[in-house]
C-alpha atoms as a PDB file:
ATOM      1  CA  MET A   1     103.159  79.579 121.566  1.00  0.00           C
ATOM      2  CA  GLU A   2     102.904  76.319 123.472  1.00  0.00           C
ATOM      3  CA  ALA A   3      99.164  76.079 122.776  1.00  0.00           C
ATOM      4  CA  HIS A   4      99.883  76.816 119.104  1.00  0.00           C
ATOM      5  CA  ASN A   5     102.443  74.016 118.864  1.00  0.00           C
ATOM      6  CA  GLN A   6     100.146  71.630 120.726  1.00  0.00           C
ATOM      7  CA  PHE A   7      97.324  72.360 118.289  1.00  0.00           C
ATOM      8  CA  LEU A   8      99.526  71.758 115.229  1.00  0.00           C
ATOM      9  CA  LYS A   9     100.885  68.538 116.718  1.00  0.00           C
ATOM     10  CA  THR A  10      97.447  67.027 116.103  1.00  0.00           C
ATOM     11  CA  PHE A  11      98.086  67.468 112.369  1.00  0.00           C
ATOM     12  CA  GLU A  12     101.823  66.689 112.440  1.00  0.00           C
ATOM     13  CA  GLN A  13     101.909  63.814 109.934  1.00  0.00           C
ATOM     14  CA  GLU A  14      99.309  65.412 107.679  1.00  0.00           C
ATOM     15  CA  ARG A  15     101.270  68.680 107.537  1.00  0.00           C
ATOM     16  CA  HIS A  16     104.555  66.848 106.972  1.00  0.00           C
ATOM     17  CA  ASP A  17     103.071  65.047 103.962  1.00  0.00           C
ATOM     18  CA  MET A  18     101.674  68.318 102.642  1.00  0.00           C
ATOM     19  CA  LYS A  19     105.028  70.055 103.070  1.00  0.00           C
ATOM     20  CA  GLU A  20     106.562  67.375 100.869  1.00  0.00           C
ATOM     21  CA  ALA A  21     103.720  67.671  98.354  1.00  0.00           C
ATOM     22  CA  GLU A  22     104.304  71.437  98.177  1.00  0.00           C
ATOM     23  CA  LYS A  23     107.459  70.731  96.186  1.00  0.00           C
ATOM     24  CA  ASP A  24     105.225  69.649  93.302  1.00  0.00           C
ATOM     25  CA  GLU A  25     102.903  72.665  93.404  1.00  0.00           C
ATOM     26  CA  ILE A  26     102.914  74.177  89.912  1.00  0.00           C
ATOM     27  CA  LEU A  27     102.612  77.725  91.274  1.00  0.00           C
ATOM     28  CA  LEU A  28     105.669  77.225  93.505  1.00  0.00           C
ATOM     29  CA  MET A  29     107.952  75.092  91.325  1.00  0.00           C
ATOM     30  CA  GLU A  30     111.025  76.686  89.744  1.00  0.00           C
ATOM     31  CA  ASN A  31     109.884  78.340  86.523  1.00  0.00           C
ATOM     32  CA  ARG A  32     112.411  79.702  84.036  1.00  0.00           C
ATOM     33  CA  ARG A  33     109.650  81.800  82.484  1.00  0.00           C
ATOM     34  CA  ARG A  34     108.735  83.517  85.733  1.00  0.00           C
ATOM     35  CA  PHE A  35     109.959  86.897  84.433  1.00  0.00           C
ATOM     36  CA  VAL A  36     108.433  86.496  80.942  1.00  0.00           C
ATOM     37  CA  MET A  37     104.923  87.944  80.858  1.00  0.00           C
ATOM     38  CA  PHE A  38     103.424  86.495  77.666  1.00  0.00           C
ATOM     39  CA  PRO A  39     101.691  84.287  76.746  1.00  0.00           C
ATOM     40  CA  ILE A  40      99.430  84.578  79.783  1.00  0.00           C
ATOM     41  CA  LYS A  41      99.012  81.191  81.425  1.00  0.00           C
ATOM     42  CA  TYR A  42      96.950  81.972  84.517  1.00  0.00           C
ATOM     43  CA  HIS A  43      94.134  84.089  83.140  1.00  0.00           C
ATOM     44  CA  GLU A  44      92.269  84.490  86.455  1.00  0.00           C
ATOM     45  CA  ILE A  45      95.405  85.686  88.253  1.00  0.00           C
ATOM     46  CA  TRP A  46      96.223  88.053  85.400  1.00  0.00           C
ATOM     47  CA  ALA A  47      92.670  89.437  85.453  1.00  0.00           C
ATOM     48  CA  ALA A  48      93.067  90.106  89.182  1.00  0.00           C
ATOM     49  CA  TYR A  49      96.214  92.121  88.512  1.00  0.00           C
ATOM     50  CA  LYS A  50      94.646  94.084  85.647  1.00  0.00           C
ATOM     51  CA  LYS A  51      91.614  94.940  87.751  1.00  0.00           C
ATOM     52  CA  MET A  52      93.871  96.268  90.514  1.00  0.00           C
ATOM     53  CA  GLU A  53      95.846  98.233  87.930  1.00  0.00           C
ATOM     54  CA  ALA A  54      92.628  99.822  86.653  1.00  0.00           C
ATOM     55  CA  SER A  55      91.768 100.963  90.192  1.00  0.00           C
ATOM     56  CA  PHE A  56      95.061 102.812  90.721  1.00  0.00           C
ATOM     57  CA  TRP A  57      94.830 106.019  92.749  1.00  0.00           C
ATOM     58  CA  THR A  58      97.316 108.432  94.307  1.00  0.00           C
ATOM     59  CA  SER A  59      97.592 110.555  97.436  1.00  0.00           C
ATOM     60  CA  GLU A  60      97.170 113.696  95.313  1.00  0.00           C
ATOM     61  CA  GLU A  61      93.514 112.747  94.831  1.00  0.00           C
ATOM     62  CA  ILE A  62      92.871 113.082  98.571  1.00  0.00           C
ATOM     63  CA  GLU A  63      91.961 116.643  99.560  1.00  0.00           C
ATOM     64  CA  LEU A  64      91.900 117.243 103.322  1.00  0.00           C
ATOM     65  CA  ALA A  65      91.150 120.996 103.576  1.00  0.00           C
ATOM     66  CA  LYS A  66      87.477 120.515 104.524  1.00  0.00           C
ATOM     67  CA  ASP A  67      88.411 117.558 106.712  1.00  0.00           C
ATOM     68  CA  SER A  68      90.640 119.802 108.803  1.00  0.00           C
ATOM     69  CA  GLU A  69      87.691 122.129 109.438  1.00  0.00           C
ATOM     70  CA  ASP A  70      85.325 119.231 110.174  1.00  0.00           C
ATOM     71  CA  PHE A  71      87.876 117.719 112.547  1.00  0.00           C
ATOM     72  CA  LYS A  72      87.727 120.818 114.757  1.00  0.00           C
ATOM     73  CA  GLN A  73      84.008 120.186 115.321  1.00  0.00           C
ATOM     74  CA  LEU A  74      84.499 116.655 116.676  1.00  0.00           C
ATOM     75  CA  THR A  75      84.384 115.855 120.382  1.00  0.00           C
ATOM     76  CA  ASP A  76      87.661 115.502 122.266  1.00  0.00           C
ATOM     77  CA  ASP A  77      87.109 111.734 122.562  1.00  0.00           C
ATOM     78  CA  GLN A  78      86.557 111.453 118.807  1.00  0.00           C
ATOM     79  CA  LYS A  79      89.732 113.425 118.112  1.00  0.00           C
ATOM     80  CA  VAL A  80      91.722 111.147 120.420  1.00  0.00           C
ATOM     81  CA  TYR A  81      90.174 108.092 118.754  1.00  0.00           C
ATOM     82  CA  ILE A  82      91.129 109.272 115.255  1.00  0.00           C
ATOM     83  CA  GLY A  83      94.665 110.062 116.408  1.00  0.00           C
ATOM     84  CA  ASN A  84      95.027 106.621 117.940  1.00  0.00           C
ATOM     85  CA  LEU A  85      93.452 104.997 114.879  1.00  0.00           C
ATOM     86  CA  LEU A  86      95.964 106.701 112.576  1.00  0.00           C
ATOM     87  CA  ALA A  87      98.872 105.765 114.833  1.00  0.00           C
ATOM     88  CA  LEU A  88      97.752 102.148 114.986  1.00  0.00           C
ATOM     89  CA  SER A  89      97.029 102.013 111.238  1.00  0.00           C
ATOM     90  CA  ILE A  90     100.534 103.228 110.454  1.00  0.00           C
ATOM     91  CA  SER A  91     102.077 100.749 112.878  1.00  0.00           C
ATOM     92  CA  SER A  92      99.883  97.915 111.583  1.00  0.00           C
ATOM     93  CA  ASP A  93     100.971  98.578 108.003  1.00  0.00           C
ATOM     94  CA  ASN A  94     104.540  98.435 109.241  1.00  0.00           C
ATOM     95  CA  ILE A  95     104.148  94.941 110.702  1.00  0.00           C
ATOM     96  CA  VAL A  96     106.692  93.684 108.174  1.00  0.00           C
ATOM     97  CA  ASN A  97     104.018  94.199 105.505  1.00  0.00           C
ATOM     98  CA  LYS A  98     106.284  94.843 102.526  1.00  0.00           C
ATOM     99  CA  ASN A  99     108.673  92.091 103.597  1.00  0.00           C
ATOM    100  CA  LEU A 100     105.764  89.659 103.797  1.00  0.00           C
ATOM    101  CA  ILE A 101     104.520  90.570 100.325  1.00  0.00           C
ATOM    102  CA  GLU A 102     108.029  90.297  98.884  1.00  0.00           C
ATOM    103  CA  LYS A 103     108.341  86.849 100.448  1.00  0.00           C
ATOM    104  CA  PHE A 104     105.063  85.666  98.917  1.00  0.00           C
ATOM    105  CA  SER A 105     106.117  87.070  95.554  1.00  0.00           C
ATOM    106  CA  ALA A 106     109.547  85.426  95.682  1.00  0.00           C
ATOM    107  CA  GLN A 107     108.046  82.006  96.352  1.00  0.00           C
ATOM    108  CA  LEU A 108     105.362  82.363  93.682  1.00  0.00           C
ATOM    109  CA  GLN A 109     106.741  81.267  90.321  1.00  0.00           C
ATOM    110  CA  ASN A 110     104.429  82.886  87.790  1.00  0.00           C
ATOM    111  CA  PRO A 111     104.663  86.418  86.357  1.00  0.00           C
ATOM    112  CA  GLU A 112     100.923  87.032  86.676  1.00  0.00           C
ATOM    113  CA  GLY A 113     101.016  86.640  90.469  1.00  0.00           C
ATOM    114  CA  LYS A 114     104.298  88.529  90.789  1.00  0.00           C
ATOM    115  CA  SER A 115     102.697  91.433  88.929  1.00  0.00           C
ATOM    116  CA  PHE A 116      99.863  91.566  91.457  1.00  0.00           C
ATOM    117  CA  TYR A 117     102.193  91.504  94.456  1.00  0.00           C
ATOM    118  CA  GLY A 118     104.463  94.107  92.859  1.00  0.00           C
ATOM    119  CA  PHE A 119     101.475  96.403  92.461  1.00  0.00           C
ATOM    120  CA  GLN A 120     100.457  95.845  96.077  1.00  0.00           C
ATOM    121  CA  ILE A 121     103.942  96.759  97.324  1.00  0.00           C
ATOM    122  CA  MET A 122     103.720 100.045  95.427  1.00  0.00           C
ATOM    123  CA  MET A 123     100.266 100.787  96.851  1.00  0.00           C
ATOM    124  CA  GLU A 124     101.533 100.255 100.410  1.00  0.00           C
ATOM    125  CA  ASN A 125     103.658 103.384  99.921  1.00  0.00           C
ATOM    126  CA  ILE A 126     100.550 105.363  98.980  1.00  0.00           C
ATOM    127  CA  TYR A 127      98.625 104.170 102.045  1.00  0.00           C
ATOM    128  CA  ALA A 128     101.522 105.193 104.299  1.00  0.00           C
ATOM    129  CA  GLU A 129     101.653 108.605 102.627  1.00  0.00           C
ATOM    130  CA  VAL A 130      97.904 109.171 102.997  1.00  0.00           C
ATOM    131  CA  TYR A 131      97.882 108.224 106.684  1.00  0.00           C
ATOM    132  CA  SER A 132     100.824 110.574 107.249  1.00  0.00           C
ATOM    133  CA  MET A 133      98.962 113.353 105.405  1.00  0.00           C
ATOM    134  CA  MET A 134      96.051 112.927 107.809  1.00  0.00           C
ATOM    135  CA  VAL A 135      98.332 113.081 110.841  1.00  0.00           C
ATOM    136  CA  ASP A 136      99.842 116.254 109.407  1.00  0.00           C
ATOM    137  CA  ALA A 137      96.465 117.832 108.601  1.00  0.00           C
ATOM    138  CA  PHE A 138      94.711 117.036 111.880  1.00  0.00           C
ATOM    139  CA  PHE A 139      97.519 116.958 114.452  1.00  0.00           C
ATOM    140  CA  GLU A 140     100.404 118.854 112.765  1.00  0.00           C
ATOM    141  CA  ASP A 141     103.001 116.509 114.274  1.00  0.00           C
ATOM    142  CA  PRO A 142     103.038 112.820 115.353  1.00  0.00           C
ATOM    143  CA  LYS A 143     104.274 114.067 118.737  1.00  0.00           C
ATOM    144  CA  ASN A 144     100.754 115.385 119.311  1.00  0.00           C
ATOM    145  CA  ILE A 145      99.458 111.800 119.297  1.00  0.00           C
ATOM    146  CA  PRO A 146     100.798 110.299 122.564  1.00  0.00           C
ATOM    147  CA  LEU A 147     100.019 106.733 121.477  1.00  0.00           C
ATOM    148  CA  PHE A 148     102.797 106.861 118.848  1.00  0.00           C
ATOM    149  CA  LYS A 149     105.355 106.548 121.666  1.00  0.00           C
ATOM    150  CA  ASP A 150     103.642 103.584 123.323  1.00  0.00           C
ATOM    151  CA  ILE A 151     102.478 101.494 120.358  1.00  0.00           C
ATOM    152  CA  ALA A 152     105.178  98.842 120.710  1.00  0.00           C
ATOM    153  CA  THR A 153     104.121  98.182 124.314  1.00  0.00           C
ATOM    154  CA  LEU A 154     100.423  97.582 123.600  1.00  0.00           C
ATOM    155  CA  PRO A 155      99.463  93.920 124.233  1.00  0.00           C
ATOM    156  CA  GLU A 156      97.222  93.738 121.145  1.00  0.00           C
ATOM    157  CA  VAL A 157      99.968  95.090 118.883  1.00  0.00           C
ATOM    158  CA  LYS A 158     102.331  92.482 120.320  1.00  0.00           C
ATOM    159  CA  ASP A 159      99.658  89.827 119.743  1.00  0.00           C
ATOM    160  CA  LYS A 160      99.350  90.853 116.085  1.00  0.00           C
ATOM    161  CA  ALA A 161     103.119  90.698 115.603  1.00  0.00           C
ATOM    162  CA  ALA A 162     103.202  87.268 117.282  1.00  0.00           C
ATOM    163  CA  TYR A 163     100.351  86.101 115.029  1.00  0.00           C
ATOM    164  CA  VAL A 164     102.305  87.129 111.928  1.00  0.00           C
ATOM    165  CA  GLN A 165     105.410  85.416 113.266  1.00  0.00           C
ATOM    166  CA  LYS A 166     103.811  82.053 114.013  1.00  0.00           C
ATOM    167  CA  TRP A 167     101.492  81.758 111.004  1.00  0.00           C
ATOM    168  CA  ILE A 168     103.244  83.680 108.204  1.00  0.00           C
ATOM    169  CA  SER A 169     106.938  84.206 108.949  1.00  0.00           C
ATOM    170  CA  ASN A 170     107.399  80.711 110.381  1.00  0.00           C
ATOM    171  CA  GLU A 171     109.304  78.585 107.858  1.00  0.00           C
ATOM    172  CA  ASP A 172     107.358  75.501 108.975  1.00  0.00           C
ATOM    173  CA  SER A 173     104.051  76.994 107.840  1.00  0.00           C
ATOM    174  CA  LEU A 174     102.594  75.689 104.598  1.00  0.00           C
ATOM    175  CA  TYR A 175     102.250  78.186 101.759  1.00  0.00           C
ATOM    176  CA  ALA A 176      98.477  77.712 101.885  1.00  0.00           C
ATOM    177  CA  GLU A 177      98.434  78.386 105.642  1.00  0.00           C
ATOM    178  CA  ARG A 178     100.404  81.574 105.101  1.00  0.00           C
ATOM    179  CA  LEU A 179      97.915  82.695 102.439  1.00  0.00           C
ATOM    180  CA  VAL A 180      95.041  82.235 104.899  1.00  0.00           C
ATOM    181  CA  ALA A 181      96.882  84.110 107.656  1.00  0.00           C
ATOM    182  CA  PHE A 182      97.875  86.928 105.316  1.00  0.00           C
ATOM    183  CA  ALA A 183      94.254  87.284 104.207  1.00  0.00           C
ATOM    184  CA  ALA A 184      93.215  87.426 107.873  1.00  0.00           C
ATOM    185  CA  LYS A 185      95.858  90.074 108.532  1.00  0.00           C
ATOM    186  CA  GLU A 186      94.652  92.161 105.580  1.00  0.00           C
ATOM    187  CA  GLY A 187      90.937  91.589 106.095  1.00  0.00           C
ATOM    188  CA  ILE A 188      90.280  91.109 109.807  1.00  0.00           C
ATOM    189  CA  PHE A 189      92.978  93.233 111.398  1.00  0.00           C
ATOM    190  CA  GLN A 190      91.660  96.803 111.086  1.00  0.00           C
ATOM    191  CA  ALA A 191      88.195  95.739 109.879  1.00  0.00           C
ATOM    192  CA  GLY A 192      86.725  97.795 112.700  1.00  0.00           C
ATOM    193  CA  ASN A 193      88.922 100.755 111.736  1.00  0.00           C
ATOM    194  CA  TYR A 194      87.302 100.914 108.322  1.00  0.00           C
ATOM    195  CA  ALA A 195      83.827 100.491 109.814  1.00  0.00           C
ATOM    196  CA  SER A 196      84.366 103.284 112.345  1.00  0.00           C
ATOM    197  CA  MET A 197      85.640 105.642 109.647  1.00  0.00           C
ATOM    198  CA  PHE A 198      82.675 104.825 107.405  1.00  0.00           C
ATOM    199  CA  TRP A 199      80.391 105.456 110.397  1.00  0.00           C
ATOM    200  CA  LEU A 200      81.902 108.907 110.895  1.00  0.00           C
ATOM    201  CA  THR A 201      81.922 109.882 107.227  1.00  0.00           C
ATOM    202  CA  SER A 202      78.344 108.610 106.766  1.00  0.00           C
ATOM    203  CA  LYS A 203      77.433 111.816 108.621  1.00  0.00           C
ATOM    204  CA  LYS A 204      78.531 113.710 105.484  1.00  0.00           C
ATOM    205  CA  ILE A 205      81.689 115.095 107.038  1.00  0.00           C
ATOM    206  CA  MET A 206      85.410 114.661 106.311  1.00  0.00           C
ATOM    207  CA  PRO A 207      85.112 113.839 102.577  1.00  0.00           C
ATOM    208  CA  GLY A 208      88.856 113.389 102.077  1.00  0.00           C
ATOM    209  CA  MET A 209      89.086 110.787 104.806  1.00  0.00           C
ATOM    210  CA  ALA A 210      85.948 109.155 103.382  1.00  0.00           C
ATOM    211  CA  MET A 211      87.534 108.807  99.947  1.00  0.00           C
ATOM    212  CA  ALA A 212      90.838 107.517 101.324  1.00  0.00           C
ATOM    213  CA  ASN A 213      89.073 105.036 103.599  1.00  0.00           C
ATOM    214  CA  LYS A 214      86.919 103.775 100.726  1.00  0.00           C
ATOM    215  CA  ASN A 215      89.936 103.299  98.453  1.00  0.00           C
ATOM    216  CA  ILE A 216      92.110 101.565 101.043  1.00  0.00           C
ATOM    217  CA  CYS A 217      89.248  99.380 102.252  1.00  0.00           C
ATOM    218  CA  ARG A 218      88.465  98.350  98.672  1.00  0.00           C
ATOM    219  CA  ASP A 219      92.109  97.536  97.973  1.00  0.00           C
ATOM    220  CA  ARG A 220      92.470  95.476 101.153  1.00  0.00           C
ATOM    221  CA  GLY A 221      89.388  93.509 100.156  1.00  0.00           C
ATOM    222  CA  ALA A 222      90.989  92.773  96.786  1.00  0.00           C
ATOM    223  CA  TYR A 223      94.202  91.589  98.473  1.00  0.00           C
ATOM    224  CA  THR A 224      92.341  89.108 100.646  1.00  0.00           C
ATOM    225  CA  ASP A 225      90.379  87.859  97.649  1.00  0.00           C
ATOM    226  CA  PHE A 226      93.650  87.380  95.779  1.00  0.00           C
ATOM    227  CA  SER A 227      94.859  85.126  98.591  1.00  0.00           C
ATOM    228  CA  CYS A 228      91.648  83.113  98.162  1.00  0.00           C
ATOM    229  CA  LEU A 229      92.315  82.854  94.424  1.00  0.00           C
ATOM    230  CA  LEU A 230      95.886  81.593  94.855  1.00  0.00           C
ATOM    231  CA  PHE A 231      94.709  79.205  97.573  1.00  0.00           C
ATOM    232  CA  ALA A 232      92.151  77.752  95.170  1.00  0.00           C
ATOM    233  CA  HIS A 233      94.892  77.042  92.611  1.00  0.00           C
ATOM    234  CA  LEU A 234      96.869  74.969  95.135  1.00  0.00           C
ATOM    235  CA  ARG A 235      96.530  71.200  95.279  1.00  0.00           C
ATOM    236  CA  THR A 236      97.822  70.995  98.853  1.00  0.00           C
ATOM    237  CA  LYS A 237      95.378  72.680 101.201  1.00  0.00           C
ATOM    238  CA  PRO A 238      95.459  72.610 105.010  1.00  0.00           C
ATOM    239  CA  ASN A 239      92.929  70.807 107.136  1.00  0.00           C
ATOM    240  CA  VAL A 240      89.752  72.883 107.470  1.00  0.00           C
ATOM    241  CA  LYS A 241      90.314  72.980 111.239  1.00  0.00           C
ATOM    242  CA  ILE A 242      93.652  74.728 110.704  1.00  0.00           C
ATOM    243  CA  THR A 243      92.070  77.280 108.366  1.00  0.00           C
ATOM    244  CA  GLU A 244      89.359  77.864 110.955  1.00  0.00           C
ATOM    245  CA  ARG A 245      91.936  78.274 113.735  1.00  0.00           C
ATOM    246  CA  ILE A 246      93.975  80.814 111.751  1.00  0.00           C
ATOM    247  CA  ILE A 247      90.956  83.013 111.093  1.00  0.00           C
ATOM    248  CA  THR A 248      89.260  82.719 114.495  1.00  0.00           C
ATOM    249  CA  GLU A 249      92.546  83.539 116.250  1.00  0.00           C
ATOM    250  CA  ALA A 250      92.721  86.761 114.249  1.00  0.00           C
ATOM    251  CA  VAL A 251      89.138  87.546 115.274  1.00  0.00           C
ATOM    252  CA  GLU A 252      89.907  87.180 118.986  1.00  0.00           C
ATOM    253  CA  ILE A 253      92.967  89.423 118.711  1.00  0.00           C
ATOM    254  CA  GLU A 254      90.977  92.062 116.855  1.00  0.00           C
ATOM    255  CA  LYS A 255      88.098  91.992 119.336  1.00  0.00           C
ATOM    256  CA  LYS A 256      90.491  92.709 122.215  1.00  0.00           C
ATOM    257  CA  TYR A 257      92.008  95.505 120.147  1.00  0.00           C
ATOM    258  CA  TYR A 258      88.718  97.449 120.105  1.00  0.00           C
ATOM    259  CA  SER A 259      88.061  96.751 123.777  1.00  0.00           C
ATOM    260  CA  ASN A 260      91.467  97.953 124.976  1.00  0.00           C
ATOM    261  CA  SER A 261      93.820  99.682 122.509  1.00  0.00           C
ATOM    262  CA  LEU A 262      91.121 101.490 120.521  1.00  0.00           C
ATOM    263  CA  PRO A 263      87.932 101.670 122.634  1.00  0.00           C
ATOM    264  CA  VAL A 264      85.213 102.396 120.077  1.00  0.00           C
ATOM    265  CA  GLU A 265      82.604 103.301 122.677  1.00  0.00           C
ATOM    266  CA  LYS A 266      84.445 106.582 123.299  1.00  0.00           C
ATOM    267  CA  PHE A 267      84.102 107.256 119.584  1.00  0.00           C
ATOM    268  CA  GLY A 268      80.336 106.843 119.834  1.00  0.00           C
ATOM    269  CA  MET A 269      79.981 103.314 118.453  1.00  0.00           C
ATOM    270  CA  ASP A 270      78.689 100.128 120.040  1.00  0.00           C
ATOM    271  CA  LEU A 271      81.433  97.631 120.934  1.00  0.00           C
ATOM    272  CA  LYS A 272      79.177  94.607 120.453  1.00  0.00           C
ATOM    273  CA  SER A 273      78.336  95.755 116.923  1.00  0.00           C
ATOM    274  CA  ILE A 274      82.038  96.126 116.077  1.00  0.00           C
ATOM    275  CA  HIS A 275      82.631  92.576 117.347  1.00  0.00           C
ATOM    276  CA  THR A 276      79.737  91.294 115.246  1.00  0.00           C
ATOM    277  CA  TYR A 277      81.093  93.070 112.179  1.00  0.00           C
ATOM    278  CA  ILE A 278      84.514  91.466 112.661  1.00  0.00           C
ATOM    279  CA  GLU A 279      82.801  88.063 112.880  1.00  0.00           C
ATOM    280  CA  PHE A 280      80.813  88.857 109.732  1.00  0.00           C
ATOM    281  CA  VAL A 281      84.033  89.617 107.827  1.00  0.00           C
ATOM    282  CA  ALA A 282      85.622  86.434 109.207  1.00  0.00           C
ATOM    283  CA  ASP A 283      82.693  84.306 108.016  1.00  0.00           C
ATOM    284  CA  GLY A 284      83.168  85.721 104.526  1.00  0.00           C
ATOM    285  CA  LEU A 285      86.852  84.809 104.581  1.00  0.00           C
ATOM    286  CA  LEU A 286      86.105  81.292 105.800  1.00  0.00           C
ATOM    287  CA  LEU A 287      83.728  80.800 102.873  1.00  0.00           C
ATOM    288  CA  GLY A 288      86.384  82.168 100.525  1.00  0.00           C
ATOM    289  CA  PHE A 289      88.779  79.451 101.654  1.00  0.00           C
ATOM    290  CA  GLY A 290      86.219  76.670 101.286  1.00  0.00           C
ATOM    291  CA  ASN A 291      85.209  76.409 104.955  1.00  0.00           C
ATOM    292  CA  GLU A 292      81.788  76.719 106.537  1.00  0.00           C
ATOM    293  CA  LYS A 293      80.813  79.848 108.431  1.00  0.00           C
ATOM    294  CA  TYR A 294      81.914  79.770 112.064  1.00  0.00           C
ATOM    295  CA  TYR A 295      79.986  82.686 113.577  1.00  0.00           C
ATOM    296  CA  ASN A 296      76.947  82.950 111.285  1.00  0.00           C
ATOM    297  CA  ALA A 297      77.088  86.697 111.897  1.00  0.00           C
ATOM    298  CA  SER A 298      75.114  89.299 109.980  1.00  0.00           C
ATOM    299  CA  ASN A 299      76.397  92.731 109.025  1.00  0.00           C
ATOM    300  CA  PRO A 300      75.257  95.031 111.875  1.00  0.00           C
ATOM    301  CA  PHE A 301      76.043  98.245 109.990  1.00  0.00           C
ATOM    302  CA  GLU A 302      73.685  99.563 107.324  1.00  0.00           C
ATOM    303  CA  PHE A 303      76.293 102.084 106.212  1.00  0.00           C
ATOM    304  CA  MET A 304      78.636  99.206 105.312  1.00  0.00           C
ATOM    305  CA  GLU A 305      76.159  97.685 102.861  1.00  0.00           C
ATOM    306  CA  GLY A 306      77.581  97.896  99.368  1.00  0.00           C
ATOM    307  CA  VAL A 307      81.057  98.719 100.652  1.00  0.00           C
ATOM    308  CA  ALA A 308      83.729  96.521  99.100  1.00  0.00           C
ATOM    309  CA  THR A 309      85.429  94.828 102.045  1.00  0.00           C
ATOM    310  CA  ALA A 310      87.335  91.657 102.767  1.00  0.00           C
ATOM    311  CA  GLY A 311      85.149  88.605 102.923  1.00  0.00           C
ATOM    312  CA  LYS A 312      82.436  89.880 100.580  1.00  0.00           C
ATOM    313  CA  THR A 313      83.926  88.007  97.602  1.00  0.00           C
ATOM    314  CA  THR A 314      83.123  90.864  95.252  1.00  0.00           C
ATOM    315  CA  PHE A 315      86.424  90.456  93.442  1.00  0.00           C
ATOM    316  CA  PHE A 316      85.906  86.904  92.206  1.00  0.00           C
ATOM    317  CA  GLU A 317      82.358  85.655  91.894  1.00  0.00           C
ATOM    318  CA  LYS A 318      83.071  81.924  91.957  1.00  0.00           C
ATOM    319  CA  LYS A 319      83.043  79.345  94.714  1.00  0.00           C
ATOM    320  CA  VAL A 320      86.268  77.665  95.748  1.00  0.00           C
ATOM    321  CA  SER A 321      84.901  74.335  94.503  1.00  0.00           C
ATOM    322  CA  ASP A 322      84.842  75.867  91.016  1.00  0.00           C
ATOM    323  CA  TYR A 323      88.364  77.172  91.434  1.00  0.00           C
ATOM    324  CA  GLN A 324      89.625  73.637  92.093  1.00  0.00           C
ATOM    325  CA  LYS A 325      89.476  73.176  88.334  1.00  0.00           C
ATOM    326  CA  ALA A 326      91.674  76.224  87.900  1.00  0.00           C
ATOM    327  CA  SER A 327      94.769  74.185  88.778  1.00  0.00           C
ATOM    328  CA  ASP A 328      94.272  72.419  85.479  1.00  0.00           C
ATOM    329  CA  VAL A 329      95.071  75.731  83.791  1.00  0.00           C
ATOM    330  CA  SER A 330      98.701  75.072  84.659  1.00  0.00           C
ATOM    331  CA  LYS A 331      98.690  72.163  82.215  1.00  0.00           C
ATOM    332  CA  SER A 332      97.419  74.255  79.346  1.00  0.00           C
ATOM    333  CA  THR A 333      97.399  77.791  78.030  1.00  0.00           C
ATOM    334  CA  ALA A 334      93.741  77.512  77.102  1.00  0.00           C
ATOM    335  CA  PRO A 335      91.616  80.425  78.358  1.00  0.00           C
ATOM    336  CA  VAL A 336      89.474  79.875  81.416  1.00  0.00           C
ATOM    337  CA  SER A 337      85.705  79.639  81.386  1.00  0.00           C
ATOM    338  CA  LYS A 338      83.863  82.823  80.526  1.00  0.00           C
ATOM    339  CA  ASP A 339      81.491  82.137  83.434  1.00  0.00           C
ATOM    340  CA  ILE A 340      83.726  84.165  85.725  1.00  0.00           C
ATOM    341  CA  ASN A 341      82.371  87.626  86.392  1.00  0.00           C
ATOM    342  CA  PHE A 342      85.080  90.275  86.569  1.00  0.00           C
ATOM    343  CA  ASP A 343      82.705  93.199  85.982  1.00  0.00           C
ATOM    344  CA  ASP A 344      81.416  93.728  89.520  1.00  0.00           C
ATOM    345  CA  ASP A 345      82.901  96.439  91.719  1.00  0.00           C
ATOM    346  CA  PHE A 346      85.405  95.069  94.207  1.00  0.00           C
END
């Protein structure tokens, strides 16, 4: 924490001025119409919500009967890996996730954005249910996954909780900084989980897990892109070095996670490739927030090509420089440019 405070001290006056300027952010100012839906004022934000609404899915769509049979054919190491992955996924989703979303929603003062966050909160329940269904189908009882008892003691899990505390829960953080950190939490934390599950299901086994993984991965990508969209509407944005620090810190935590807590080599994957994939996702997020790439990494996994993930900007096909003009929407109810492409899969 000392290194964190020392780093921010470099930007102390700049961040103080921005904290004051935040009071005049249109998206965050008290709005008596915040619970009145129409007329739509922020068309891009509303379109994001409607696209998420159109992608709604439920746990009942996930059939795990064949998966249970396929699971029996896996190696012991692969079974242990999947058990640990499920345990860590459940714990990761419980890192004050709903509380964080509720906090973002409470501070945001427009009904379009509140609608999106409300939808996300509901979907979190479905993800938790699906992960629990998998535990039930493959292991019968959480007690059969030893890691469940020890999760709170894992250094990388503690590091993730500390990351959330210092960048998102901290009252001194700027709203824009919290958006970046939340996008990193949604997009970088567990990026390797999704890749490893896609690697397994690319072998044409475990179709239920494949469908669930695809849906959750797609949704998480949309949540990170939504953070980029809100960020672009803000006038007060953090120094690019702070944005870079937030995202690269998440990368380092996640790399250690796959070296220690969830060793992917036992699953049959290459650790270096997982690290490169995490860097690839991080570069996409950096671009989404108006930064330059930091790692210049390429996607090492062919099976992830075409998969909607965080950092691939498939949800909103505009650069942040174009979104700067979006803040002007707050001064008018005029519709936004029709240049924006909302038809691509996200």
